[in-house]
PDB file of all heavy atoms in Angstrom:
ATOM      1  N   ARG A   1      10.846  29.209   6.060  1.00  0.00           N
ATOM      2  CA  ARG A   1      12.062  29.138   5.254  1.00  0.00           C
ATOM      3  C   ARG A   1      13.204  29.906   5.904  1.00  0.00           C
ATOM      4  O   ARG A   1      14.359  29.474   5.859  1.00  0.00           O
ATOM      5  CB  ARG A   1      11.772  29.667   3.854  1.00  0.00           C
ATOM      6  CG  ARG A   1      10.870  28.753   3.039  1.00  0.00           C
ATOM      7  CD  ARG A   1      10.521  29.344   1.694  1.00  0.00           C
ATOM      8  NE  ARG A   1       9.695  28.432   0.905  1.00  0.00           N
ATOM      9  CZ  ARG A   1       9.233  28.700  -0.298  1.00  0.00           C
ATOM     10  NH1 ARG A   1       9.512  29.878  -0.873  1.00  0.00           N
ATOM     11  NH2 ARG A   1       8.491  27.825  -0.948  1.00  0.00           N
ATOM     12  N   MET A   2      12.915  31.043   6.514  1.00  0.00           N
ATOM     13  CA  MET A   2      13.958  31.807   7.206  1.00  0.00           C
ATOM     14  C   MET A   2      14.532  30.998   8.375  1.00  0.00           C
ATOM     15  O   MET A   2      15.746  31.008   8.606  1.00  0.00           O
ATOM     16  CB  MET A   2      13.388  33.130   7.714  1.00  0.00           C
ATOM     17  CG  MET A   2      13.038  34.127   6.604  1.00  0.00           C
ATOM     18  SD  MET A   2      14.459  34.600   5.577  1.00  0.00           S
ATOM     19  CE  MET A   2      15.477  35.455   6.774  1.00  0.00           C
ATOM     20  N   ALA A   3      13.654  30.294   9.097  1.00  0.00           N
ATOM     21  CA  ALA A   3      14.128  29.459  10.209  1.00  0.00           C
ATOM     22  C   ALA A   3      15.023  28.338   9.698  1.00  0.00           C
ATOM     23  O   ALA A   3      16.057  28.019  10.311  1.00  0.00           O
ATOM     24  CB  ALA A   3      12.936  28.877  10.967  1.00  0.00           C
ATOM     25  N   LEU A   4      14.654  27.749   8.568  1.00  0.00           N
ATOM     26  CA  LEU A   4      15.464  26.682   7.970  1.00  0.00           C
ATOM     27  C   LEU A   4      16.840  27.206   7.567  1.00  0.00           C
ATOM     28  O   LEU A   4      17.863  26.534   7.786  1.00  0.00           O
ATOM     29  CB  LEU A   4      14.735  26.104   6.764  1.00  0.00           C
ATOM     30  CG  LEU A   4      15.449  24.966   6.012  1.00  0.00           C
ATOM     31  CD1 LEU A   4      15.693  23.788   6.933  1.00  0.00           C
ATOM     32  CD2 LEU A   4      14.625  24.531   4.796  1.00  0.00           C
ATOM     33  N   ILE A   5      16.881  28.410   7.013  1.00  0.00           N
ATOM     34  CA  ILE A   5      18.158  29.021   6.625  1.00  0.00           C
ATOM     35  C   ILE A   5      19.021  29.274   7.845  1.00  0.00           C
ATOM     36  O   ILE A   5      20.218  28.979   7.862  1.00  0.00           O
ATOM     37  CB  ILE A   5      17.903  30.331   5.839  1.00  0.00           C
ATOM     38  CG1 ILE A   5      17.284  30.015   4.472  1.00  0.00           C
ATOM     39  CG2 ILE A   5      19.205  31.117   5.665  1.00  0.00           C
ATOM     40  CD1 ILE A   5      16.796  31.239   3.738  1.00  0.00           C
ATOM     41  N   GLU A   6      18.415  29.826   8.885  1.00  0.00           N
ATOM     42  CA  GLU A   6      19.173  30.124  10.114  1.00  0.00           C
ATOM     43  C   GLU A   6      19.777  28.849  10.703  1.00  0.00           C
ATOM     44  O   GLU A   6      20.955  28.832  11.102  1.00  0.00           O
ATOM     45  CB  GLU A   6      18.271  30.794  11.152  1.00  0.00           C
ATOM     46  CG  GLU A   6      17.773  32.165  10.776  1.00  0.00           C
ATOM     47  CD  GLU A   6      18.788  33.272  10.964  1.00  0.00           C
ATOM     48  OE1 GLU A   6      19.941  32.972  11.344  1.00  0.00           O
ATOM     49  OE2 GLU A   6      18.436  34.435  10.725  1.00  0.00           O
ATOM     50  N   LEU A   7      18.989  27.788  10.765  1.00  0.00           N
ATOM     51  CA  LEU A   7      19.491  26.530  11.322  1.00  0.00           C
ATOM     52  C   LEU A   7      20.616  25.952  10.462  1.00  0.00           C
ATOM     53  O   LEU A   7      21.618  25.461  10.995  1.00  0.00           O
ATOM     54  CB  LEU A   7      18.358  25.516  11.447  1.00  0.00           C
ATOM     55  CG  LEU A   7      17.411  25.696  12.631  1.00  0.00           C
ATOM     56  CD1 LEU A   7      16.259  24.696  12.546  1.00  0.00           C
ATOM     57  CD2 LEU A   7      18.166  25.526  13.949  1.00  0.00           C
ATOM     58  N   SER A   8      20.446  26.021   9.166  1.00  0.00           N
ATOM     59  CA  SER A   8      21.477  25.499   8.262  1.00  0.00           C
ATOM     60  C   SER A   8      22.786  26.255   8.440  1.00  0.00           C
ATOM     61  O   SER A   8      23.870  25.650   8.516  1.00  0.00           O
ATOM     62  CB  SER A   8      21.001  25.608   6.806  1.00  0.00           C
ATOM     63  OG  SER A   8      19.828  24.865   6.594  1.00  0.00           O
ATOM     64  N   LEU A   9      22.683  27.574   8.539  1.00  0.00           N
ATOM     65  CA  LEU A   9      23.892  28.400   8.671  1.00  0.00           C
ATOM     66  C   LEU A   9      24.488  28.303  10.072  1.00  0.00           C
ATOM     67  O   LEU A   9      25.653  28.648  10.267  1.00  0.00           O
ATOM     68  CB  LEU A   9      23.567  29.858   8.325  1.00  0.00           C
ATOM     69  CG  LEU A   9      23.130  30.090   6.873  1.00  0.00           C
ATOM     70  CD1 LEU A   9      22.804  31.562   6.648  1.00  0.00           C
ATOM     71  CD2 LEU A   9      24.202  29.618   5.897  1.00  0.00           C
ATOM     72  N   TRP A  10      23.699  27.853  11.034  1.00  0.00           N
ATOM     73  CA  TRP A  10      24.230  27.643  12.388  1.00  0.00           C
ATOM     74  C   TRP A  10      25.171  26.434  12.400  1.00  0.00           C
ATOM     75  O   TRP A  10      26.254  26.481  12.984  1.00  0.00           O
ATOM     76  CB  TRP A  10      23.080  27.430  13.365  1.00  0.00           C
ATOM     77  CG  TRP A  10      23.507  27.393  14.814  1.00  0.00           C
ATOM     78  CD1 TRP A  10      24.302  26.449  15.412  1.00  0.00           C
ATOM     79  CD2 TRP A  10      23.192  28.352  15.817  1.00  0.00           C
ATOM     80  NE1 TRP A  10      24.486  26.754  16.743  1.00  0.00           N
ATOM     81  CE2 TRP A  10      23.813  27.916  17.017  1.00  0.00           C
ATOM     82  CE3 TRP A  10      22.421  29.518  15.833  1.00  0.00           C
ATOM     83  CZ2 TRP A  10      23.690  28.635  18.212  1.00  0.00           C
ATOM     84  CZ3 TRP A  10      22.305  30.213  17.032  1.00  0.00           C
ATOM     85  CH2 TRP A  10      22.927  29.772  18.201  1.00  0.00           C
ATOM     86  N   PHE A  11      24.749  25.342  11.713  1.00  0.00           N
ATOM     87  CA  PHE A  11      25.508  24.101  11.795  1.00  0.00           C
ATOM     88  C   PHE A  11      26.591  23.979  10.720  1.00  0.00           C
ATOM     89  O   PHE A  11      27.567  23.249  10.919  1.00  0.00           O
ATOM     90  CB  PHE A  11      24.565  22.904  11.708  1.00  0.00           C
ATOM     91  CG  PHE A  11      23.749  22.686  12.945  1.00  0.00           C
ATOM     92  CD1 PHE A  11      22.430  23.123  13.025  1.00  0.00           C
ATOM     93  CD2 PHE A  11      24.309  22.066  14.050  1.00  0.00           C
ATOM     94  CE1 PHE A  11      21.681  22.935  14.175  1.00  0.00           C
ATOM     95  CE2 PHE A  11      23.575  21.865  15.208  1.00  0.00           C
ATOM     96  CZ  PHE A  11      22.252  22.306  15.272  1.00  0.00           C
ATOM     97  N   LEU A  12      26.428  24.649   9.597  1.00  0.00           N
ATOM     98  CA  LEU A  12      27.397  24.519   8.511  1.00  0.00           C
ATOM     99  C   LEU A  12      28.832  24.817   8.939  1.00  0.00           C
ATOM    100  O   LEU A  12      29.750  24.054   8.582  1.00  0.00           O
ATOM    101  CB  LEU A  12      26.992  25.415   7.335  1.00  0.00           C
ATOM    102  CG  LEU A  12      27.961  25.410   6.147  1.00  0.00           C
ATOM    103  CD1 LEU A  12      28.067  24.011   5.531  1.00  0.00           C
ATOM    104  CD2 LEU A  12      27.522  26.428   5.096  1.00  0.00           C
ATOM    105  N   PRO A  13      29.096  25.890   9.696  1.00  0.00           N
ATOM    106  CA  PRO A  13      30.490  26.163  10.070  1.00  0.00           C
ATOM    107  C   PRO A  13      31.147  25.049  10.867  1.00  0.00           C
ATOM    108  O   PRO A  13      32.372  24.875  10.790  1.00  0.00           O
ATOM    109  CB  PRO A  13      30.384  27.447  10.910  1.00  0.00           C
ATOM    110  CG  PRO A  13      29.134  28.100  10.435  1.00  0.00           C
ATOM    111  CD  PRO A  13      28.198  26.973  10.122  1.00  0.00           C
ATOM    112  N   TYR A  14      30.342  24.286  11.631  1.00  0.00           N
ATOM    113  CA  TYR A  14      30.942  23.193  12.389  1.00  0.00           C
ATOM    114  C   TYR A  14      31.468  22.108  11.464  1.00  0.00           C
ATOM    115  O   TYR A  14      32.474  21.453  11.775  1.00  0.00           O
ATOM    116  CB  TYR A  14      29.928  22.623  13.383  1.00  0.00           C
ATOM    117  CG  TYR A  14      29.443  23.656  14.377  1.00  0.00           C
ATOM    118  CD1 TYR A  14      28.144  23.644  14.842  1.00  0.00           C
ATOM    119  CD2 TYR A  14      30.287  24.669  14.813  1.00  0.00           C
ATOM    120  CE1 TYR A  14      27.696  24.607  15.736  1.00  0.00           C
ATOM    121  CE2 TYR A  14      29.848  25.636  15.699  1.00  0.00           C
ATOM    122  CZ  TYR A  14      28.555  25.595  16.155  1.00  0.00           C
ATOM    123  OH  TYR A  14      28.127  26.554  17.025  1.00  0.00           O
ATOM    124  N   LEU A  15      30.808  21.919  10.339  1.00  0.00           N
ATOM    125  CA  LEU A  15      31.294  20.956   9.355  1.00  0.00           C
ATOM    126  C   LEU A  15      32.544  21.463   8.650  1.00  0.00           C
ATOM    127  O   LEU A  15      33.537  20.738   8.527  1.00  0.00           O
ATOM    128  CB  LEU A  15      30.196  20.671   8.320  1.00  0.00           C
ATOM    129  CG  LEU A  15      28.898  20.059   8.851  1.00  0.00           C
ATOM    130  CD1 LEU A  15      27.881  19.928   7.719  1.00  0.00           C
ATOM    131  CD2 LEU A  15      29.166  18.699   9.479  1.00  0.00           C
ATOM    132  N   THR A  16      32.508  22.707   8.192  1.00  0.00           N
ATOM    133  CA  THR A  16      33.632  23.245   7.424  1.00  0.00           C
ATOM    134  C   THR A  16      34.846  23.516   8.308  1.00  0.00           C
ATOM    135  O   THR A  16      35.976  23.211   7.924  1.00  0.00           O
ATOM    136  CB  THR A  16      33.207  24.524   6.692  1.00  0.00           C
ATOM    137  OG1 THR A  16      32.668  25.468   7.634  1.00  0.00           O
ATOM    138  CG2 THR A  16      32.142  24.216   5.655  1.00  0.00           C
ATOM    139  N   VAL A  17      34.615  24.077   9.485  1.00  0.00           N
ATOM    140  CA  VAL A  17      35.739  24.328  10.402  1.00  0.00           C
ATOM    141  C   VAL A  17      36.274  23.010  10.941  1.00  0.00           C
ATOM    142  O   VAL A  17      37.489  22.829  11.082  1.00  0.00           O
ATOM    143  CB  VAL A  17      35.311  25.259  11.554  1.00  0.00           C
ATOM    144  CG1 VAL A  17      36.446  25.411  12.569  1.00  0.00           C
ATOM    145  CG2 VAL A  17      34.917  26.631  11.017  1.00  0.00           C
ATOM    146  N   GLY A  18      35.380  22.077  11.226  1.00  0.00           N
ATOM    147  CA  GLY A  18      35.825  20.759  11.693  1.00  0.00           C
ATOM    148  C   GLY A  18      36.700  20.078  10.662  1.00  0.00           C
ATOM    149  O   GLY A  18      37.710  19.452  11.005  1.00  0.00           O
ATOM    150  N   LEU A  19      36.320  20.194   9.384  1.00  0.00           N
ATOM    151  CA  LEU A  19      37.136  19.614   8.316  1.00  0.00           C
ATOM    152  C   LEU A  19      38.497  20.302   8.254  1.00  0.00           C
ATOM    153  O   LEU A  19      39.534  19.626   8.116  1.00  0.00           O
ATOM    154  CB  LEU A  19      36.412  19.758   6.980  1.00  0.00           C
ATOM    155  CG  LEU A  19      37.175  19.273   5.741  1.00  0.00           C
ATOM    156  CD1 LEU A  19      37.489  17.775   5.867  1.00  0.00           C
ATOM    157  CD2 LEU A  19      36.374  19.551   4.474  1.00  0.00           C
ATOM    158  N   ALA A  20      38.510  21.618   8.374  1.00  0.00           N
ATOM    159  CA  ALA A  20      39.781  22.355   8.353  1.00  0.00           C
ATOM    160  C   ALA A  20      40.664  21.945   9.523  1.00  0.00           C
ATOM    161  O   ALA A  20      41.882  21.782   9.371  1.00  0.00           O
ATOM    162  CB  ALA A  20      39.517  23.864   8.382  1.00  0.00           C
ATOM    163  N   MET A  21      40.069  21.758  10.689  1.00  0.00           N
ATOM    164  CA  MET A  21      40.840  21.325  11.858  1.00  0.00           C
ATOM    165  C   MET A  21      41.413  19.930  11.649  1.00  0.00           C
ATOM    166  O   MET A  21      42.566  19.656  11.998  1.00  0.00           O
ATOM    167  CB  MET A  21      39.946  21.347  13.108  1.00  0.00           C
ATOM    168  CG  MET A  21      39.621  22.726  13.617  1.00  0.00           C
ATOM    169  SD  MET A  21      38.529  22.658  15.066  1.00  0.00           S
ATOM    170  CE  MET A  21      38.589  24.370  15.602  1.00  0.00           C
ATOM    171  N   TRP A  22      40.608  19.053  11.077  1.00  0.00           N
ATOM    172  CA  TRP A  22      41.071  17.681  10.831  1.00  0.00           C
ATOM    173  C   TRP A  22      42.234  17.675   9.854  1.00  0.00           C
ATOM    174  O   TRP A  22      43.237  16.976  10.062  1.00  0.00           O
ATOM    175  CB  TRP A  22      39.918  16.852  10.298  1.00  0.00           C
ATOM    176  CG  TRP A  22      40.301  15.435   9.969  1.00  0.00           C
ATOM    177  CD1 TRP A  22      40.601  14.436  10.847  1.00  0.00           C
ATOM    178  CD2 TRP A  22      40.433  14.882   8.654  1.00  0.00           C
ATOM    179  NE1 TRP A  22      40.914  13.280  10.162  1.00  0.00           N
ATOM    180  CE2 TRP A  22      40.818  13.522   8.812  1.00  0.00           C
ATOM    181  CE3 TRP A  22      40.265  15.377   7.376  1.00  0.00           C
ATOM    182  CZ2 TRP A  22      41.036  12.683   7.728  1.00  0.00           C
ATOM    183  CZ3 TRP A  22      40.474  14.542   6.291  1.00  0.00           C
ATOM    184  CH2 TRP A  22      40.855  13.207   6.472  1.00  0.00           C
ATOM    185  N   LEU A  23      42.132  18.471   8.797  1.00  0.00           N
ATOM    186  CA  LEU A  23      43.201  18.539   7.793  1.00  0.00           C
ATOM    187  C   LEU A  23      44.481  19.135   8.372  1.00  0.00           C
ATOM    188  O   LEU A  23      45.584  18.779   7.943  1.00  0.00           O
ATOM    189  CB  LEU A  23      42.746  19.365   6.589  1.00  0.00           C
ATOM    190  CG  LEU A  23      41.635  18.738   5.725  1.00  0.00           C
ATOM    191  CD1 LEU A  23      41.158  19.728   4.673  1.00  0.00           C
ATOM    192  CD2 LEU A  23      42.132  17.450   5.063  1.00  0.00           C
ATOM    193  N   ARG A  24      44.351  20.020   9.335  1.00  0.00           N
ATOM    194  CA  ARG A  24      45.509  20.707   9.913  1.00  0.00           C
ATOM    195  C   ARG A  24      45.984  20.063  11.210  1.00  0.00           C
ATOM    196  O   ARG A  24      46.895  20.566  11.861  1.00  0.00           O
ATOM    197  CB  ARG A  24      45.184  22.180  10.139  1.00  0.00           C
ATOM    198  CG  ARG A  24      44.891  22.924   8.841  1.00  0.00           C
ATOM    199  CD  ARG A  24      44.485  24.361   9.095  1.00  0.00           C
ATOM    200  NE  ARG A  24      45.574  25.143   9.664  1.00  0.00           N
ATOM    201  CZ  ARG A  24      46.538  25.706   8.954  1.00  0.00           C
ATOM    202  NH1 ARG A  24      46.569  25.547   7.632  1.00  0.00           N
ATOM    203  NH2 ARG A  24      47.473  26.418   9.539  1.00  0.00           N
ATOM    204  N   GLY A  25      45.353  18.955  11.587  1.00  0.00           N
ATOM    205  CA  GLY A  25      45.791  18.232  12.780  1.00  0.00           C
ATOM    206  C   GLY A  25      45.471  18.930  14.084  1.00  0.00           C
ATOM    207  O   GLY A  25      46.174  18.746  15.087  1.00  0.00           O
ATOM    208  N   THR A  26      44.407  19.743  14.107  1.00  0.00           N
ATOM    209  CA  THR A  26      44.022  20.454  15.336  1.00  0.00           C
ATOM    210  C   THR A  26      42.617  20.063  15.783  1.00  0.00           C
ATOM    211  O   THR A  26      41.885  20.888  16.329  1.00  0.00           O
ATOM    212  CB  THR A  26      44.102  21.986  15.126  1.00  0.00           C
ATOM    213  OG1 THR A  26      43.268  22.350  14.013  1.00  0.00           O
ATOM    214  CG2 THR A  26      45.528  22.428  14.868  1.00  0.00           C
ATOM    215  N   SER A  27      42.246  18.814  15.543  1.00  0.00           N
ATOM    216  CA  SER A  27      40.893  18.357  15.889  1.00  0.00           C
ATOM    217  C   SER A  27      40.601  18.467  17.380  1.00  0.00           C
ATOM    218  O   SER A  27      39.435  18.500  17.781  1.00  0.00           O
ATOM    219  CB  SER A  27      40.701  16.902  15.444  1.00  0.00           C
ATOM    220  OG  SER A  27      40.791  16.791  14.042  1.00  0.00           O
ATOM    221  N   ARG A  28      41.653  18.545  18.195  1.00  0.00           N
ATOM    222  CA  ARG A  28      41.453  18.680  19.648  1.00  0.00           C
ATOM    223  C   ARG A  28      40.705  19.968  19.987  1.00  0.00           C
ATOM    224  O   ARG A  28      40.139  20.094  21.088  1.00  0.00           O
ATOM    225  CB  ARG A  28      42.809  18.661  20.358  1.00  0.00           C
ATOM    226  CG  ARG A  28      43.656  19.887  20.078  1.00  0.00           C
ATOM    227  CD  ARG A  28      45.051  19.806  20.655  1.00  0.00           C
ATOM    228  NE  ARG A  28      45.803  21.034  20.433  1.00  0.00           N
ATOM    229  CZ  ARG A  28      46.365  21.373  19.281  1.00  0.00           C
ATOM    230  NH1 ARG A  28      46.273  20.549  18.230  1.00  0.00           N
ATOM    231  NH2 ARG A  28      47.017  22.513  19.163  1.00  0.00           N
ATOM    232  N   LEU A  29      40.716  20.928  19.064  1.00  0.00           N
ATOM    233  CA  LEU A  29      40.065  22.214  19.303  1.00  0.00           C
ATOM    234  C   LEU A  29      38.581  22.193  18.949  1.00  0.00           C
ATOM    235  O   LEU A  29      37.878  23.181  19.180  1.00  0.00           O
ATOM    236  CB  LEU A  29      40.749  23.323  18.487  1.00  0.00           C
ATOM    237  CG  LEU A  29      42.225  23.581  18.760  1.00  0.00           C
ATOM    238  CD1 LEU A  29      42.755  24.661  17.815  1.00  0.00           C
ATOM    239  CD2 LEU A  29      42.436  23.995  20.218  1.00  0.00           C
ATOM    240  N   PHE A  30      38.107  21.071  18.418  1.00  0.00           N
ATOM    241  CA  PHE A  30      36.738  21.060  17.884  1.00  0.00           C
ATOM    242  C   PHE A  30      35.695  21.286  18.975  1.00  0.00           C
ATOM    243  O   PHE A  30      34.813  22.153  18.825  1.00  0.00           O
ATOM    244  CB  PHE A  30      36.455  19.748  17.156  1.00  0.00           C
ATOM    245  CG  PHE A  30      35.097  19.709  16.521  1.00  0.00           C
ATOM    246  CD1 PHE A  30      34.851  20.394  15.337  1.00  0.00           C
ATOM    247  CD2 PHE A  30      34.043  19.010  17.118  1.00  0.00           C
ATOM    248  CE1 PHE A  30      33.587  20.379  14.750  1.00  0.00           C
ATOM    249  CE2 PHE A  30      32.788  18.993  16.540  1.00  0.00           C
ATOM    250  CZ  PHE A  30      32.561  19.680  15.351  1.00  0.00           C
ATOM    251  N   ASP A  31      35.750  20.526  20.059  1.00  0.00           N
ATOM    252  CA  ASP A  31      34.750  20.689  21.117  1.00  0.00           C
ATOM    253  C   ASP A  31      34.769  22.093  21.719  1.00  0.00           C
ATOM    254  O   ASP A  31      33.700  22.719  21.866  1.00  0.00           O
ATOM    255  CB  ASP A  31      34.935  19.631  22.208  1.00  0.00           C
ATOM    256  CG  ASP A  31      34.414  18.265  21.767  1.00  0.00           C
ATOM    257  OD1 ASP A  31      33.853  18.168  20.652  1.00  0.00           O
ATOM    258  OD2 ASP A  31      34.582  17.295  22.534  1.00  0.00           O
ATOM    259  N   PRO A  32      35.950  22.625  22.093  1.00  0.00           N
ATOM    260  CA  PRO A  32      35.963  24.011  22.583  1.00  0.00           C
ATOM    261  C   PRO A  32      35.430  25.001  21.552  1.00  0.00           C
ATOM    262  O   PRO A  32      34.782  25.990  21.913  1.00  0.00           O
ATOM    263  CB  PRO A  32      37.448  24.267  22.880  1.00  0.00           C
ATOM    264  CG  PRO A  32      38.029  22.921  23.125  1.00  0.00           C
ATOM    265  CD  PRO A  32      37.278  21.994  22.218  1.00  0.00           C
ATOM    266  N   MET A  33      35.701  24.730  20.268  1.00  0.00           N
ATOM    267  CA  MET A  33      35.200  25.616  19.226  1.00  0.00           C
ATOM    268  C   MET A  33      33.680  25.620  19.194  1.00  0.00           C
ATOM    269  O   MET A  33      33.043  26.671  19.080  1.00  0.00           O
ATOM    270  CB  MET A  33      35.749  25.179  17.862  1.00  0.00           C
ATOM    271  CG  MET A  33      35.303  26.031  16.675  1.00  0.00           C
ATOM    272  SD  MET A  33      33.729  25.478  15.922  1.00  0.00           S
ATOM    273  CE  MET A  33      34.206  23.880  15.240  1.00  0.00           C
ATOM    274  N   VAL A  34      33.073  24.431  19.301  1.00  0.00           N
ATOM    275  CA  VAL A  34      31.618  24.332  19.271  1.00  0.00           C
ATOM    276  C   VAL A  34      31.006  25.120  20.432  1.00  0.00           C
ATOM    277  O   VAL A  34      30.049  25.891  20.256  1.00  0.00           O
ATOM    278  CB  VAL A  34      31.169  22.862  19.310  1.00  0.00           C
ATOM    279  CG1 VAL A  34      29.662  22.769  19.533  1.00  0.00           C
ATOM    280  CG2 VAL A  34      31.562  22.152  18.029  1.00  0.00           C
ATOM    281  N   VAL A  35      31.552  24.938  21.618  1.00  0.00           N
ATOM    282  CA  VAL A  35      31.027  25.631  22.795  1.00  0.00           C
ATOM    283  C   VAL A  35      31.150  27.150  22.637  1.00  0.00           C
ATOM    284  O   VAL A  35      30.174  27.887  22.845  1.00  0.00           O
ATOM    285  CB  VAL A  35      31.758  25.176  24.074  1.00  0.00           C
ATOM    286  CG1 VAL A  35      31.323  26.032  25.270  1.00  0.00           C
ATOM    287  CG2 VAL A  35      31.477  23.704  24.351  1.00  0.00           C
ATOM    288  N   THR A  36      32.328  27.613  22.258  1.00  0.00           N
ATOM    289  CA  THR A  36      32.529  29.061  22.157  1.00  0.00           C
ATOM    290  C   THR A  36      31.688  29.665  21.033  1.00  0.00           C
ATOM    291  O   THR A  36      31.102  30.740  21.197  1.00  0.00           O
ATOM    292  CB  THR A  36      34.013  29.400  21.933  1.00  0.00           C
ATOM    293  OG1 THR A  36      34.513  28.669  20.803  1.00  0.00           O
ATOM    294  CG2 THR A  36      34.841  29.051  23.144  1.00  0.00           C
ATOM    295  N   MET A  37      31.588  28.970  19.905  1.00  0.00           N
ATOM    296  CA  MET A  37      30.815  29.506  18.790  1.00  0.00           C
ATOM    297  C   MET A  37      29.320  29.528  19.112  1.00  0.00           C
ATOM    298  O   MET A  37      28.604  30.468  18.743  1.00  0.00           O
ATOM    299  CB  MET A  37      31.081  28.700  17.520  1.00  0.00           C
ATOM    300  CG  MET A  37      32.488  28.860  16.979  1.00  0.00           C
ATOM    301  SD  MET A  37      32.858  30.558  16.486  1.00  0.00           S
ATOM    302  CE  MET A  37      31.862  30.693  15.018  1.00  0.00           C
ATOM    303  N   ASN A  38      28.830  28.501  19.790  1.00  0.00           N
ATOM    304  CA  ASN A  38      27.409  28.488  20.151  1.00  0.00           C
ATOM    305  C   ASN A  38      27.058  29.677  21.039  1.00  0.00           C
ATOM    306  O   ASN A  38      26.071  30.383  20.795  1.00  0.00           O
ATOM    307  CB  ASN A  38      27.045  27.178  20.858  1.00  0.00           C
ATOM    308  CG  ASN A  38      26.744  26.055  19.880  1.00  0.00           C
ATOM    309  OD1 ASN A  38      26.435  26.289  18.722  1.00  0.00           O
ATOM    310  ND2 ASN A  38      26.848  24.824  20.347  1.00  0.00           N
ATOM    311  N   TRP A  39      27.876  29.913  22.072  1.00  0.00           N
ATOM    312  CA  TRP A  39      27.559  31.020  22.980  1.00  0.00           C
ATOM    313  C   TRP A  39      27.929  32.369  22.361  1.00  0.00           C
ATOM    314  O   TRP A  39      27.285  33.376  22.666  1.00  0.00           O
ATOM    315  CB  TRP A  39      28.240  30.812  24.327  1.00  0.00           C
ATOM    316  CG  TRP A  39      27.707  29.609  25.050  1.00  0.00           C
ATOM    317  CD1 TRP A  39      28.392  28.503  25.438  1.00  0.00           C
ATOM    318  CD2 TRP A  39      26.345  29.378  25.448  1.00  0.00           C
ATOM    319  NE1 TRP A  39      27.562  27.594  26.046  1.00  0.00           N
ATOM    320  CE2 TRP A  39      26.287  28.110  26.067  1.00  0.00           C
ATOM    321  CE3 TRP A  39      25.173  30.118  25.332  1.00  0.00           C
ATOM    322  CZ2 TRP A  39      25.109  27.575  26.566  1.00  0.00           C
ATOM    323  CZ3 TRP A  39      23.982  29.577  25.836  1.00  0.00           C
ATOM    324  CH2 TRP A  39      23.971  28.330  26.441  1.00  0.00           C
ATOM    325  N   LEU A  40      28.923  32.402  21.489  1.00  0.00           N
ATOM    326  CA  LEU A  40      29.205  33.638  20.754  1.00  0.00           C
ATOM    327  C   LEU A  40      27.994  34.026  19.905  1.00  0.00           C
ATOM    328  O   LEU A  40      27.671  35.218  19.779  1.00  0.00           O
ATOM    329  CB  LEU A  40      30.435  33.464  19.865  1.00  0.00           C
ATOM    330  CG  LEU A  40      30.752  34.637  18.910  1.00  0.00           C
ATOM    331  CD1 LEU A  40      31.087  35.894  19.710  1.00  0.00           C
ATOM    332  CD2 LEU A  40      31.907  34.271  17.975  1.00  0.00           C
ATOM    333  N   ASN A  41      27.317  33.034  19.336  1.00  0.00           N
ATOM    334  CA  ASN A  41      26.141  33.319  18.522  1.00  0.00           C
ATOM    335  C   ASN A  41      25.055  34.034  19.324  1.00  0.00           C
ATOM    336  O   ASN A  41      24.334  34.880  18.785  1.00  0.00           O
ATOM    337  CB  ASN A  41      25.581  32.036  17.919  1.00  0.00           C
ATOM    338  CG  ASN A  41      26.363  31.570  16.714  1.00  0.00           C
ATOM    339  OD1 ASN A  41      27.041  32.355  16.061  1.00  0.00           O
ATOM    340  ND2 ASN A  41      26.285  30.289  16.414  1.00  0.00           N
ATOM    341  N   VAL A  42      24.924  33.691  20.601  1.00  0.00           N
ATOM    342  CA  VAL A  42      23.935  34.380  21.435  1.00  0.00           C
ATOM    343  C   VAL A  42      24.274  35.869  21.514  1.00  0.00           C
ATOM    344  O   VAL A  42      23.407  36.739  21.345  1.00  0.00           O
ATOM    345  CB  VAL A  42      23.870  33.761  22.844  1.00  0.00           C
ATOM    346  CG1 VAL A  42      22.903  34.554  23.728  1.00  0.00           C
ATOM    347  CG2 VAL A  42      23.445  32.303  22.779  1.00  0.00           C
ATOM    348  N   LEU A  43      25.548  36.160  21.760  1.00  0.00           N
ATOM    349  CA  LEU A  43      25.982  37.556  21.839  1.00  0.00           C
ATOM    350  C   LEU A  43      25.753  38.266  20.501  1.00  0.00           C
ATOM    351  O   LEU A  43      25.291  39.415  20.461  1.00  0.00           O
ATOM    352  CB  LEU A  43      27.465  37.603  22.218  1.00  0.00           C
ATOM    353  CG  LEU A  43      27.982  38.864  22.907  1.00  0.00           C
ATOM    354  CD1 LEU A  43      27.193  39.162  24.171  1.00  0.00           C
ATOM    355  CD2 LEU A  43      29.463  38.713  23.223  1.00  0.00           C
ATOM    356  N   ILE A  44      26.046  37.570  19.412  1.00  0.00           N
ATOM    357  CA  ILE A  44      25.844  38.145  18.078  1.00  0.00           C
ATOM    358  C   ILE A  44      24.369  38.436  17.828  1.00  0.00           C
ATOM    359  O   ILE A  44      24.000  39.518  17.348  1.00  0.00           O
ATOM    360  CB  ILE A  44      26.403  37.203  17.000  1.00  0.00           C
ATOM    361  CG1 ILE A  44      27.935  37.201  17.036  1.00  0.00           C
ATOM    362  CG2 ILE A  44      25.908  37.608  15.611  1.00  0.00           C
ATOM    363  CD1 ILE A  44      28.576  36.163  16.147  1.00  0.00           C
ATOM    364  N   TYR A  45      23.511  37.493  18.191  1.00  0.00           N
ATOM    365  CA  TYR A  45      22.079  37.691  17.937  1.00  0.00           C
ATOM    366  C   TYR A  45      21.472  38.758  18.839  1.00  0.00           C
ATOM    367  O   TYR A  45      20.478  39.402  18.469  1.00  0.00           O
ATOM    368  CB  TYR A  45      21.313  36.380  18.075  1.00  0.00           C
ATOM    369  CG  TYR A  45      21.337  35.555  16.819  1.00  0.00           C
ATOM    370  CD1 TYR A  45      22.118  34.400  16.723  1.00  0.00           C
ATOM    371  CD2 TYR A  45      20.590  35.926  15.712  1.00  0.00           C
ATOM    372  CE1 TYR A  45      22.140  33.643  15.564  1.00  0.00           C
ATOM    373  CE2 TYR A  45      20.604  35.175  14.545  1.00  0.00           C
ATOM    374  CZ  TYR A  45      21.391  34.035  14.479  1.00  0.00           C
ATOM    375  OH  TYR A  45      21.419  33.291  13.315  1.00  0.00           O
ATOM    376  N   ILE A  46      22.033  38.959  20.013  1.00  0.00           N
ATOM    377  CA  ILE A  46      21.576  40.067  20.858  1.00  0.00           C
ATOM    378  C   ILE A  46      21.799  41.393  20.129  1.00  0.00           C
ATOM    379  O   ILE A  46      20.923  42.269  20.083  1.00  0.00           O
ATOM    380  CB  ILE A  46      22.302  40.068  22.213  1.00  0.00           C
ATOM    381  CG1 ILE A  46      21.820  38.893  23.078  1.00  0.00           C
ATOM    382  CG2 ILE A  46      22.083  41.384  22.953  1.00  0.00           C
ATOM    383  CD1 ILE A  46      22.599  38.700  24.351  1.00  0.00           C
TER     384      ILE A  46
END
């Protein structure tokens, strides 16, 4: 269950931030955001 929670919370921000970017007309930032957030998570988990 803890693993399921971690995975859910990993992907949820991409949906919510992606929606915010789409609403604000900054969808071009989505791919760079995914890359930076994924690798930022490694630093956070360290």
